Amino acid sequence: MSSSLASFGARKIGAALVTLLLALTAAFALGHLSGDPVYNILGPLAQREQIDAMRADLGLDKPIAEQYVTYLGDTVRGELGDSLQYFRSNSELISSRLPQSLQLLVAAIVLAILIGVPLGTLAAVKEGTWWDRAASTVALLGQSVPVFWLGLMLILIFAVQLRLLPSGQSGGLDHLILPAITLSLLPLAHIARLTRASMAEVLAEPYIDAARARGLSTRRIVGLHALRNAALPVLTVTALQTGVLLSGAVAVEYVYSWPGLGTLALEAVQFRDYTLAQAVVIVGAVAFVVLNLLVDLLYVVVDPRLR
């Protein structure tokens, strides 16, 4: 058993390392395929001496293969370079914005789970009723409505018209409500739909019929038997949606002027700060790969057959 578990873990870790290498390579290419970074920074009026000096300072005068090896080595050591816009360490800039992004991300995924799982469970238990149709409609709307548009509508209604909540920026809990709701809608819809499908499949199993025959209540059947067996697909989609939130947070942070990694990435692109943009992409890629690796390893706890 232990050897199979170790083999499973080794395969998953190996796959995660390969994925991470591909992501780092893509981030490296991002800074070079968008044109000459030095020309983008200095502009068309820069003198040749200025261009050559900056290229040498950034190491861009070296062969591309040597740049790539240096880049990988620096990344492994946690050296993400300096911002060309803020003249500060990229690691320092990211560290100052990361707590805000994590706060928004955690709030959104918790909200999605707290609403999506009960909604999907209720739809499965009440299959074919108006509860089921209402839950399916909510899930469909959640997958269809663009987060950018939803954010603007929530600001218009709750901040401008009703003046109940602030329209943006970070601060107290009231500042977090609208961004978290906006960001949670898409994962909520996916979690609700998959929970319903998984729960409906489990509720059709013979052992559930046997539990009903023994006189167990629907609440006990769902809570003690069905929900745990339906948890694996839900765990999968939750992990995937958490990764999706990393990209979706960019639009949400922009709409609400939320000072997180999303707005930092947009600032880097706007000011052509390729080193900062590269650093944000690296951090996002590492977070996504590590998160999915942890979920893969957690699978064996939920379902040992996957070992």
C-alpha atoms as a PDB file:
ATOM      1  CA  MET A   1       0.000   0.000   0.000  1.00  0.00           C
ATOM      2  CA  SER A   2       2.767   2.427   0.971  1.00  0.00           C
ATOM      3  CA  SER A   3       4.746   1.655  -2.205  1.00  0.00           C
ATOM      4  CA  SER A   4       1.715   2.288  -4.406  1.00  0.00           C
ATOM      5  CA  LEU A   5       1.069   5.553  -2.574  1.00  0.00           C
ATOM      6  CA  ALA A   6       4.701   6.600  -3.035  1.00  0.00           C
ATOM      7  CA  SER A   7       4.530   5.702  -6.733  1.00  0.00           C
ATOM      8  CA  PHE A   8       1.327   7.701  -7.127  1.00  0.00           C
ATOM      9  CA  GLY A   9       2.888  10.698  -5.382  1.00  0.00           C
ATOM     10  CA  ALA A  10       6.058  10.476  -7.487  1.00  0.00           C
ATOM     11  CA  ARG A  11       4.050  10.430 -10.730  1.00  0.00           C
ATOM     12  CA  LYS A  12       2.000  13.428  -9.688  1.00  0.00           C
ATOM     13  CA  ILE A  13       5.034  15.402  -8.541  1.00  0.00           C
ATOM     14  CA  GLY A  14       6.839  14.595 -11.799  1.00  0.00           C
ATOM     15  CA  ALA A  15       3.862  15.745 -13.855  1.00  0.00           C
ATOM     16  CA  ALA A  16       3.645  18.929 -11.762  1.00  0.00           C
ATOM     17  CA  LEU A  17       7.324  19.706 -12.368  1.00  0.00           C
ATOM     18  CA  VAL A  18       6.919  19.245 -16.125  1.00  0.00           C
ATOM     19  CA  THR A  19       3.855  21.491 -16.125  1.00  0.00           C
ATOM     20  CA  LEU A  20       5.708  24.093 -14.099  1.00  0.00           C
ATOM     21  CA  LEU A  21       8.660  24.020 -16.505  1.00  0.00           C
ATOM     22  CA  LEU A  22       6.316  24.584 -19.445  1.00  0.00           C
ATOM     23  CA  ALA A  23       4.651  27.464 -17.596  1.00  0.00           C
ATOM     24  CA  LEU A  24       8.013  29.071 -16.821  1.00  0.00           C
ATOM     25  CA  THR A  25       9.037  28.686 -20.457  1.00  0.00           C
ATOM     26  CA  ALA A  26       5.817  30.380 -21.553  1.00  0.00           C
ATOM     27  CA  ALA A  27       6.465  33.227 -19.106  1.00  0.00           C
ATOM     28  CA  PHE A  28       9.981  33.624 -20.512  1.00  0.00           C
ATOM     29  CA  ALA A  29       8.627  33.721 -24.051  1.00  0.00           C
ATOM     30  CA  LEU A  30       6.048  36.309 -22.982  1.00  0.00           C
ATOM     31  CA  GLY A  31       8.772  38.846 -22.351  1.00  0.00           C
ATOM     32  CA  HIS A  32      10.504  38.244 -25.681  1.00  0.00           C
ATOM     33  CA  LEU A  33       7.710  37.669 -28.192  1.00  0.00           C
ATOM     34  CA  SER A  34       6.099  41.054 -27.528  1.00  0.00           C
ATOM     35  CA  GLY A  35       8.947  42.917 -29.193  1.00  0.00           C
ATOM     36  CA  ASP A  36      12.237  44.293 -27.936  1.00  0.00           C
ATOM     37  CA  PRO A  37      11.645  45.068 -24.236  1.00  0.00           C
ATOM     38  CA  VAL A  38      14.296  47.785 -24.219  1.00  0.00           C
ATOM     39  CA  TYR A  39      12.769  49.528 -27.241  1.00  0.00           C
ATOM     40  CA  ASN A  40       9.339  49.277 -25.630  1.00  0.00           C
ATOM     41  CA  ILE A  41      10.668  50.879 -22.445  1.00  0.00           C
ATOM     42  CA  LEU A  42      12.831  53.652 -23.890  1.00  0.00           C
ATOM     43  CA  GLY A  43      10.698  54.451 -26.913  1.00  0.00           C
ATOM     44  CA  PRO A  44      11.646  55.382 -30.484  1.00  0.00           C
ATOM     45  CA  LEU A  45      13.643  58.493 -29.495  1.00  0.00           C
ATOM     46  CA  ALA A  46      16.218  56.604 -27.444  1.00  0.00           C
ATOM     47  CA  GLN A  47      19.859  56.800 -28.466  1.00  0.00           C
ATOM     48  CA  ARG A  48      21.725  53.667 -29.512  1.00  0.00           C
ATOM     49  CA  GLU A  49      24.051  54.053 -26.510  1.00  0.00           C
ATOM     50  CA  GLN A  50      21.076  54.087 -24.142  1.00  0.00           C
ATOM     51  CA  ILE A  51      19.591  50.992 -25.766  1.00  0.00           C
ATOM     52  CA  ASP A  52      22.863  49.070 -25.636  1.00  0.00           C
ATOM     53  CA  ALA A  53      23.458  50.046 -22.008  1.00  0.00           C
ATOM     54  CA  MET A  54      20.012  48.903 -20.895  1.00  0.00           C
ATOM     55  CA  ARG A  55      20.257  45.678 -22.874  1.00  0.00           C
ATOM     56  CA  ALA A  56      23.545  44.911 -21.138  1.00  0.00           C
ATOM     57  CA  ASP A  57      22.098  45.849 -17.735  1.00  0.00           C
ATOM     58  CA  LEU A  58      19.125  43.504 -18.240  1.00  0.00           C
ATOM     59  CA  GLY A  59      21.258  40.739 -19.722  1.00  0.00           C
ATOM     60  CA  LEU A  60      19.444  40.939 -23.053  1.00  0.00           C
ATOM     61  CA  ASP A  61      22.691  41.204 -24.997  1.00  0.00           C
ATOM     62  CA  LYS A  62      23.447  37.538 -24.297  1.00  0.00           C
ATOM     63  CA  PRO A  63      22.333  34.600 -26.488  1.00  0.00           C
ATOM     64  CA  ILE A  64      18.716  33.593 -25.932  1.00  0.00           C
ATOM     65  CA  ALA A  65      19.696  30.151 -24.628  1.00  0.00           C
ATOM     66  CA  GLU A  66      21.976  31.700 -22.007  1.00  0.00           C
ATOM     67  CA  GLN A  67      19.212  34.126 -21.018  1.00  0.00           C
ATOM     68  CA  TYR A  68      16.820  31.206 -20.588  1.00  0.00           C
ATOM     69  CA  VAL A  69      19.197  29.222 -18.370  1.00  0.00           C
ATOM     70  CA  THR A  70      19.901  32.309 -16.253  1.00  0.00           C
ATOM     71  CA  TYR A  71      16.177  32.985 -15.988  1.00  0.00           C
ATOM     72  CA  LEU A  72      15.432  29.441 -14.789  1.00  0.00           C
ATOM     73  CA  GLY A  73      18.236  29.601 -12.241  1.00  0.00           C
ATOM     74  CA  ASP A  74      17.052  32.943 -10.879  1.00  0.00           C
ATOM     75  CA  THR A  75      13.470  31.676 -10.677  1.00  0.00           C
ATOM     76  CA  VAL A  76      14.468  28.549  -8.751  1.00  0.00           C
ATOM     77  CA  ARG A  77      16.334  30.765  -6.272  1.00  0.00           C
ATOM     78  CA  GLY A  78      13.286  33.015  -5.944  1.00  0.00           C
ATOM     79  CA  GLU A  79      14.984  35.960  -7.645  1.00  0.00           C
ATOM     80  CA  LEU A  80      12.279  37.560  -9.790  1.00  0.00           C
ATOM     81  CA  GLY A  81      14.239  40.643 -10.784  1.00  0.00           C
ATOM     82  CA  ASP A  82      13.421  44.324 -10.357  1.00  0.00           C
ATOM     83  CA  SER A  83      10.504  46.300 -11.707  1.00  0.00           C
ATOM     84  CA  LEU A  84      11.348  48.665 -14.544  1.00  0.00           C
ATOM     85  CA  GLN A  85       8.408  50.846 -13.541  1.00  0.00           C
ATOM     86  CA  TYR A  86       8.616  51.025  -9.741  1.00  0.00           C
ATOM     87  CA  PHE A  87      12.389  50.508  -9.386  1.00  0.00           C
ATOM     88  CA  ARG A  88      11.722  48.000  -6.618  1.00  0.00           C
ATOM     89  CA  SER A  89      12.138  44.266  -6.269  1.00  0.00           C
ATOM     90  CA  ASN A  90       9.381  42.333  -8.027  1.00  0.00           C
ATOM     91  CA  SER A  91       9.243  39.964  -5.060  1.00  0.00           C
ATOM     92  CA  GLU A  92       8.596  42.914  -2.756  1.00  0.00           C
ATOM     93  CA  LEU A  93       5.848  44.274  -5.009  1.00  0.00           C
ATOM     94  CA  ILE A  94       4.165  40.884  -5.296  1.00  0.00           C
ATOM     95  CA  SER A  95       4.407  40.287  -1.543  1.00  0.00           C
ATOM     96  CA  SER A  96       2.680  43.607  -0.888  1.00  0.00           C
ATOM     97  CA  ARG A  97      -0.232  42.740  -3.218  1.00  0.00           C
ATOM     98  CA  LEU A  98      -0.530  38.999  -2.593  1.00  0.00           C
ATOM     99  CA  PRO A  99      -2.493  39.213   0.701  1.00  0.00           C
ATOM    100  CA  GLN A 100      -5.225  41.250  -1.004  1.00  0.00           C
ATOM    101  CA  SER A 101      -5.545  38.720  -3.835  1.00  0.00           C
ATOM    102  CA  LEU A 102      -5.598  35.795  -1.402  1.00  0.00           C
ATOM    103  CA  GLN A 103      -8.284  37.506   0.661  1.00  0.00           C
ATOM    104  CA  LEU A 104     -10.477  37.933  -2.413  1.00  0.00           C
ATOM    105  CA  LEU A 105      -9.731  34.440  -3.736  1.00  0.00           C
ATOM    106  CA  VAL A 106     -10.490  32.671  -0.448  1.00  0.00           C
ATOM    107  CA  ALA A 107     -13.685  34.669   0.081  1.00  0.00           C
ATOM    108  CA  ALA A 108     -14.892  33.848  -3.436  1.00  0.00           C
ATOM    109  CA  ILE A 109     -14.185  30.107  -3.302  1.00  0.00           C
ATOM    110  CA  VAL A 110     -15.666  29.752   0.207  1.00  0.00           C
ATOM    111  CA  LEU A 111     -18.782  31.578  -0.947  1.00  0.00           C
ATOM    112  CA  ALA A 112     -18.983  29.369  -4.040  1.00  0.00           C
ATOM    113  CA  ILE A 113     -18.722  26.181  -1.956  1.00  0.00           C
ATOM    114  CA  LEU A 114     -21.145  27.315   0.754  1.00  0.00           C
ATOM    115  CA  ILE A 115     -23.806  28.120  -1.838  1.00  0.00           C
ATOM    116  CA  GLY A 116     -22.937  25.777  -4.717  1.00  0.00           C
ATOM    117  CA  VAL A 117     -22.800  22.482  -2.804  1.00  0.00           C
ATOM    118  CA  PRO A 118     -26.140  22.909  -0.962  1.00  0.00           C
ATOM    119  CA  LEU A 119     -27.751  24.241  -4.144  1.00  0.00           C
ATOM    120  CA  GLY A 120     -26.595  21.249  -6.201  1.00  0.00           C
ATOM    121  CA  THR A 121     -27.510  18.812  -3.432  1.00  0.00           C
ATOM    122  CA  LEU A 122     -31.000  20.275  -3.113  1.00  0.00           C
ATOM    123  CA  ALA A 123     -31.482  20.097  -6.886  1.00  0.00           C
ATOM    124  CA  ALA A 124     -30.515  16.401  -6.894  1.00  0.00           C
ATOM    125  CA  VAL A 125     -32.731  15.516  -3.936  1.00  0.00           C
ATOM    126  CA  LYS A 126     -35.650  17.461  -5.461  1.00  0.00           C
ATOM    127  CA  GLU A 127     -34.945  16.226  -8.998  1.00  0.00           C
ATOM    128  CA  GLY A 128     -37.636  17.224 -11.487  1.00  0.00           C
ATOM    129  CA  THR A 129     -39.231  19.815  -9.185  1.00  0.00           C
ATOM    130  CA  TRP A 130     -39.151  23.591  -9.401  1.00  0.00           C
ATOM    131  CA  TRP A 131     -36.206  23.534  -6.955  1.00  0.00           C
ATOM    132  CA  ASP A 132     -34.248  21.583  -9.539  1.00  0.00           C
ATOM    133  CA  ARG A 133     -35.231  23.934 -12.351  1.00  0.00           C
ATOM    134  CA  ALA A 134     -34.439  27.018 -10.268  1.00  0.00           C
ATOM    135  CA  ALA A 135     -30.998  25.683  -9.325  1.00  0.00           C
ATOM    136  CA  SER A 136     -30.262  24.788 -12.953  1.00  0.00           C
ATOM    137  CA  THR A 137     -31.284  28.292 -14.036  1.00  0.00           C
ATOM    138  CA  VAL A 138     -28.995  29.885 -11.455  1.00  0.00           C
ATOM    139  CA  ALA A 139     -26.108  27.663 -12.599  1.00  0.00           C
ATOM    140  CA  LEU A 140     -26.746  28.509 -16.251  1.00  0.00           C
ATOM    141  CA  LEU A 141     -26.793  32.235 -15.527  1.00  0.00           C
ATOM    142  CA  GLY A 142     -23.621  31.917 -13.490  1.00  0.00           C
ATOM    143  CA  GLN A 143     -21.806  30.348 -16.428  1.00  0.00           C
ATOM    144  CA  SER A 144     -23.183  32.852 -18.943  1.00  0.00           C
ATOM    145  CA  VAL A 145     -22.857  36.258 -17.277  1.00  0.00           C
ATOM    146  CA  PRO A 146     -19.454  37.956 -17.843  1.00  0.00           C
ATOM    147  CA  VAL A 147     -17.828  38.897 -14.541  1.00  0.00           C
ATOM    148  CA  PHE A 148     -16.890  42.313 -15.920  1.00  0.00           C
ATOM    149  CA  TRP A 149     -20.536  43.142 -16.678  1.00  0.00           C
ATOM    150  CA  LEU A 150     -21.749  41.654 -13.392  1.00  0.00           C
ATOM    151  CA  GLY A 151     -19.268  43.752 -11.442  1.00  0.00           C
ATOM    152  CA  LEU A 152     -20.448  46.946 -13.110  1.00  0.00           C
ATOM    153  CA  MET A 153     -24.100  46.063 -12.464  1.00  0.00           C
ATOM    154  CA  LEU A 154     -23.466  45.342  -8.777  1.00  0.00           C
ATOM    155  CA  ILE A 155     -21.622  48.644  -8.410  1.00  0.00           C
ATOM    156  CA  LEU A 156     -24.454  50.495 -10.146  1.00  0.00           C
ATOM    157  CA  ILE A 157     -27.131  48.915  -7.939  1.00  0.00           C
ATOM    158  CA  PHE A 158     -25.538  48.566  -4.501  1.00  0.00           C
ATOM    159  CA  ALA A 159     -22.965  51.382  -4.549  1.00  0.00           C
ATOM    160  CA  VAL A 160     -24.448  54.075  -6.795  1.00  0.00           C
ATOM    161  CA  GLN A 161     -28.223  53.621  -6.475  1.00  0.00           C
ATOM    162  CA  LEU A 162     -28.726  52.098  -3.012  1.00  0.00           C
ATOM    163  CA  ARG A 163     -25.437  53.316  -1.504  1.00  0.00           C
ATOM    164  CA  LEU A 164     -25.221  50.246   0.693  1.00  0.00           C
ATOM    165  CA  LEU A 165     -21.683  49.158  -0.164  1.00  0.00           C
ATOM    166  CA  PRO A 166     -18.482  50.821  -1.384  1.00  0.00           C
ATOM    167  CA  SER A 167     -17.772  50.690  -5.103  1.00  0.00           C
ATOM    168  CA  GLY A 168     -14.148  49.674  -4.855  1.00  0.00           C
ATOM    169  CA  GLN A 169     -10.760  49.699  -3.151  1.00  0.00           C
ATOM    170  CA  SER A 170      -9.817  47.438  -0.262  1.00  0.00           C
ATOM    171  CA  GLY A 171     -10.649  48.107   3.355  1.00  0.00           C
ATOM    172  CA  GLY A 172     -13.094  46.530   5.749  1.00  0.00           C
ATOM    173  CA  LEU A 173     -15.388  43.591   5.181  1.00  0.00           C
ATOM    174  CA  ASP A 174     -17.881  45.787   3.345  1.00  0.00           C
ATOM    175  CA  HIS A 175     -15.291  46.438   0.625  1.00  0.00           C
ATOM    176  CA  LEU A 176     -14.903  42.685   0.079  1.00  0.00           C
ATOM    177  CA  ILE A 177     -18.578  41.790  -0.388  1.00  0.00           C
ATOM    178  CA  LEU A 178     -19.188  42.918  -3.982  1.00  0.00           C
ATOM    179  CA  PRO A 179     -15.844  41.699  -5.419  1.00  0.00           C
ATOM    180  CA  ALA A 180     -16.233  38.310  -3.704  1.00  0.00           C
ATOM    181  CA  ILE A 181     -19.787  37.866  -4.998  1.00  0.00           C
ATOM    182  CA  THR A 182     -18.700  38.799  -8.516  1.00  0.00           C
ATOM    183  CA  LEU A 183     -15.725  36.452  -8.524  1.00  0.00           C
ATOM    184  CA  SER A 184     -17.636  33.574  -6.930  1.00  0.00           C
ATOM    185  CA  LEU A 185     -20.460  33.378  -9.479  1.00  0.00           C
ATOM    186  CA  LEU A 186     -18.687  31.254 -12.115  1.00  0.00           C
ATOM    187  CA  PRO A 187     -17.203  28.649  -9.722  1.00  0.00           C
ATOM    188  CA  LEU A 188     -20.510  28.592  -7.835  1.00  0.00           C
ATOM    189  CA  ALA A 189     -22.315  27.641 -11.041  1.00  0.00           C
ATOM    190  CA  HIS A 190     -19.821  24.884 -11.910  1.00  0.00           C
ATOM    191  CA  ILE A 191     -19.828  23.481  -8.375  1.00  0.00           C
ATOM    192  CA  ALA A 192     -23.637  23.483  -8.228  1.00  0.00           C
ATOM    193  CA  ARG A 193     -24.010  21.697 -11.573  1.00  0.00           C
ATOM    194  CA  LEU A 194     -21.413  19.039 -10.824  1.00  0.00           C
ATOM    195  CA  THR A 195     -22.725  18.516  -7.290  1.00  0.00           C
ATOM    196  CA  ARG A 196     -26.188  17.941  -8.697  1.00  0.00           C
ATOM    197  CA  ALA A 197     -24.927  15.473 -11.317  1.00  0.00           C
ATOM    198  CA  SER A 198     -22.723  13.575  -8.848  1.00  0.00           C
ATOM    199  CA  MET A 199     -25.368  13.511  -6.146  1.00  0.00           C
ATOM    200  CA  ALA A 200     -28.091  12.340  -8.550  1.00  0.00           C
ATOM    201  CA  GLU A 201     -25.829   9.489  -9.682  1.00  0.00           C
ATOM    202  CA  VAL A 202     -25.069   8.435  -6.108  1.00  0.00           C
ATOM    203  CA  LEU A 203     -28.718   8.656  -5.030  1.00  0.00           C
ATOM    204  CA  ALA A 204     -29.581   6.144  -7.766  1.00  0.00           C
ATOM    205  CA  GLU A 205     -27.197   3.520  -6.319  1.00  0.00           C
ATOM    206  CA  PRO A 206     -28.684   0.335  -4.764  1.00  0.00           C
ATOM    207  CA  TYR A 207     -27.158   0.957  -1.337  1.00  0.00           C
ATOM    208  CA  ILE A 208     -29.075   4.246  -1.145  1.00  0.00           C
ATOM    209  CA  ASP A 209     -32.299   2.338  -1.805  1.00  0.00           C
ATOM    210  CA  ALA A 210     -31.291  -0.076   0.946  1.00  0.00           C
ATOM    211  CA  ALA A 211     -30.742   2.844   3.327  1.00  0.00           C
ATOM    212  CA  ARG A 212     -34.190   4.177   2.503  1.00  0.00           C
ATOM    213  CA  ALA A 213     -35.661   0.718   3.110  1.00  0.00           C
ATOM    214  CA  ARG A 214     -34.107   0.729   6.590  1.00  0.00           C
ATOM    215  CA  GLY A 215     -36.083   3.869   7.339  1.00  0.00           C
ATOM    216  CA  LEU A 216     -33.228   6.395   7.273  1.00  0.00           C
ATOM    217  CA  SER A 217     -34.329   9.964   6.641  1.00  0.00           C
ATOM    218  CA  THR A 218     -33.320  11.802   3.477  1.00  0.00           C
ATOM    219  CA  ARG A 219     -31.148  14.153   5.512  1.00  0.00           C
ATOM    220  CA  ARG A 220     -29.201  11.258   7.050  1.00  0.00           C
ATOM    221  CA  ILE A 221     -28.854   9.469   3.722  1.00  0.00           C
ATOM    222  CA  VAL A 222     -27.507  12.592   2.046  1.00  0.00           C
ATOM    223  CA  GLY A 223     -25.273  13.648   4.925  1.00  0.00           C
ATOM    224  CA  LEU A 224     -23.835  10.263   5.913  1.00  0.00           C
ATOM    225  CA  HIS A 225     -23.688   8.385   2.615  1.00  0.00           C
ATOM    226  CA  ALA A 226     -24.392  10.270  -0.589  1.00  0.00           C
ATOM    227  CA  LEU A 227     -22.482  13.494  -0.029  1.00  0.00           C
ATOM    228  CA  ARG A 228     -19.172  11.813   0.798  1.00  0.00           C
ATOM    229  CA  ASN A 229     -19.339   9.517  -2.225  1.00  0.00           C
ATOM    230  CA  ALA A 230     -20.176  12.476  -4.461  1.00  0.00           C
ATOM    231  CA  ALA A 231     -17.335  14.559  -3.021  1.00  0.00           C
ATOM    232  CA  LEU A 232     -14.527  13.495  -5.385  1.00  0.00           C
ATOM    233  CA  PRO A 233     -15.883  15.141  -8.571  1.00  0.00           C
ATOM    234  CA  VAL A 234     -16.840  18.204  -6.531  1.00  0.00           C
ATOM    235  CA  LEU A 235     -13.313  18.377  -5.114  1.00  0.00           C
ATOM    236  CA  THR A 236     -11.953  18.190  -8.656  1.00  0.00           C
ATOM    237  CA  VAL A 237     -14.050  21.017 -10.038  1.00  0.00           C
ATOM    238  CA  THR A 238     -13.403  23.145  -6.943  1.00  0.00           C
ATOM    239  CA  ALA A 239      -9.652  22.866  -7.489  1.00  0.00           C
ATOM    240  CA  LEU A 240      -9.996  23.641 -11.187  1.00  0.00           C
ATOM    241  CA  GLN A 241     -12.250  26.610 -10.496  1.00  0.00           C
ATOM    242  CA  THR A 242      -9.775  27.947  -7.955  1.00  0.00           C
ATOM    243  CA  GLY A 243      -7.204  27.980 -10.749  1.00  0.00           C
ATOM    244  CA  VAL A 244      -9.679  29.719 -13.049  1.00  0.00           C
ATOM    245  CA  LEU A 245     -10.240  32.345 -10.360  1.00  0.00           C
ATOM    246  CA  LEU A 246      -6.578  33.318 -10.614  1.00  0.00           C
ATOM    247  CA  SER A 247      -7.247  34.598 -14.126  1.00  0.00           C
ATOM    248  CA  GLY A 248     -10.786  35.814 -13.482  1.00  0.00           C
ATOM    249  CA  ALA A 249      -9.551  37.917 -10.579  1.00  0.00           C
ATOM    250  CA  VAL A 250      -7.766  40.228 -13.024  1.00  0.00           C
ATOM    251  CA  ALA A 251     -11.053  41.561 -14.416  1.00  0.00           C
ATOM    252  CA  VAL A 252     -12.700  41.710 -10.987  1.00  0.00           C
ATOM    253  CA  GLU A 253      -9.775  43.549  -9.415  1.00  0.00           C
ATOM    254  CA  TYR A 254      -9.792  46.019 -12.296  1.00  0.00           C
ATOM    255  CA  VAL A 255     -13.532  46.729 -11.989  1.00  0.00           C
ATOM    256  CA  TYR A 256     -13.357  47.254  -8.229  1.00  0.00           C
ATOM    257  CA  SER A 257      -9.895  48.878  -8.159  1.00  0.00           C
ATOM    258  CA  TRP A 258      -8.836  46.064  -5.844  1.00  0.00           C
ATOM    259  CA  PRO A 259      -5.071  46.346  -5.146  1.00  0.00           C
ATOM    260  CA  GLY A 260      -4.137  42.728  -5.823  1.00  0.00           C
ATOM    261  CA  LEU A 261      -1.936  40.810  -8.236  1.00  0.00           C
ATOM    262  CA  GLY A 262      -4.458  41.281 -11.043  1.00  0.00           C
ATOM    263  CA  THR A 263      -4.188  45.055 -11.009  1.00  0.00           C
ATOM    264  CA  LEU A 264      -0.419  44.747 -10.599  1.00  0.00           C
ATOM    265  CA  ALA A 265      -0.273  42.612 -13.756  1.00  0.00           C
ATOM    266  CA  LEU A 266      -2.383  45.130 -15.669  1.00  0.00           C
ATOM    267  CA  GLU A 267      -0.134  47.967 -14.520  1.00  0.00           C
ATOM    268  CA  ALA A 268       2.902  45.998 -15.684  1.00  0.00           C
ATOM    269  CA  VAL A 269       1.382  45.439 -19.135  1.00  0.00           C
ATOM    270  CA  GLN A 270       0.218  49.047 -19.408  1.00  0.00           C
ATOM    271  CA  PHE A 271       3.677  50.428 -18.628  1.00  0.00           C
ATOM    272  CA  ARG A 272       5.483  47.673 -20.593  1.00  0.00           C
ATOM    273  CA  ASP A 273       7.222  46.455 -17.452  1.00  0.00           C
ATOM    274  CA  TYR A 274       7.994  43.013 -18.832  1.00  0.00           C
ATOM    275  CA  THR A 275      10.012  41.838 -15.813  1.00  0.00           C
ATOM    276  CA  LEU A 276       7.107  42.548 -13.453  1.00  0.00           C
ATOM    277  CA  ALA A 277       4.570  40.952 -15.799  1.00  0.00           C
ATOM    278  CA  GLN A 278       6.825  37.915 -16.051  1.00  0.00           C
ATOM    279  CA  ALA A 279       7.117  37.695 -12.263  1.00  0.00           C
ATOM    280  CA  VAL A 280       3.338  37.839 -11.756  1.00  0.00           C
ATOM    281  CA  VAL A 281       2.841  35.100 -14.358  1.00  0.00           C
ATOM    282  CA  ILE A 282       5.439  32.939 -12.606  1.00  0.00           C
ATOM    283  CA  VAL A 283       3.768  33.342  -9.209  1.00  0.00           C
ATOM    284  CA  GLY A 284       0.353  32.554 -10.689  1.00  0.00           C
ATOM    285  CA  ALA A 285       1.686  29.479 -12.489  1.00  0.00           C
ATOM    286  CA  VAL A 286       3.423  28.157  -9.379  1.00  0.00           C
ATOM    287  CA  ALA A 287       0.273  28.690  -7.307  1.00  0.00           C
ATOM    288  CA  PHE A 288      -1.884  26.890  -9.878  1.00  0.00           C
ATOM    289  CA  VAL A 289       0.467  23.902 -10.219  1.00  0.00           C
ATOM    290  CA  VAL A 290       0.997  23.520  -6.466  1.00  0.00           C
ATOM    291  CA  LEU A 291      -2.736  23.761  -5.798  1.00  0.00           C
ATOM    292  CA  ASN A 292      -3.553  21.056  -8.326  1.00  0.00           C
ATOM    293  CA  LEU A 293      -0.755  18.842  -6.990  1.00  0.00           C
ATOM    294  CA  LEU A 294      -2.145  19.112  -3.464  1.00  0.00           C
ATOM    295  CA  VAL A 295      -5.617  18.228  -4.705  1.00  0.00           C
ATOM    296  CA  ASP A 296      -4.275  15.219  -6.637  1.00  0.00           C
ATOM    297  CA  LEU A 297      -2.556  13.972  -3.494  1.00  0.00           C
ATOM    298  CA  LEU A 298      -5.718  14.602  -1.499  1.00  0.00           C
ATOM    299  CA  TYR A 299      -7.680  12.368  -3.882  1.00  0.00           C
ATOM    300  CA  VAL A 300      -6.163   9.246  -2.356  1.00  0.00           C
ATOM    301  CA  VAL A 301      -7.559  10.233   1.017  1.00  0.00           C
ATOM    302  CA  VAL A 302     -11.063  10.553  -0.418  1.00  0.00           C
ATOM    303  CA  ASP A 303     -10.790   7.528  -2.735  1.00  0.00           C
ATOM    304  CA  PRO A 304      -7.884   5.093  -2.057  1.00  0.00           C
ATOM    305  CA  ARG A 305      -8.706   3.239  -5.293  1.00  0.00           C
ATOM    306  CA  LEU A 306      -6.870   5.984  -7.185  1.00  0.00           C
ATOM    307  CA  ARG A 307      -3.538   4.843  -5.742  1.00  0.00           C
END
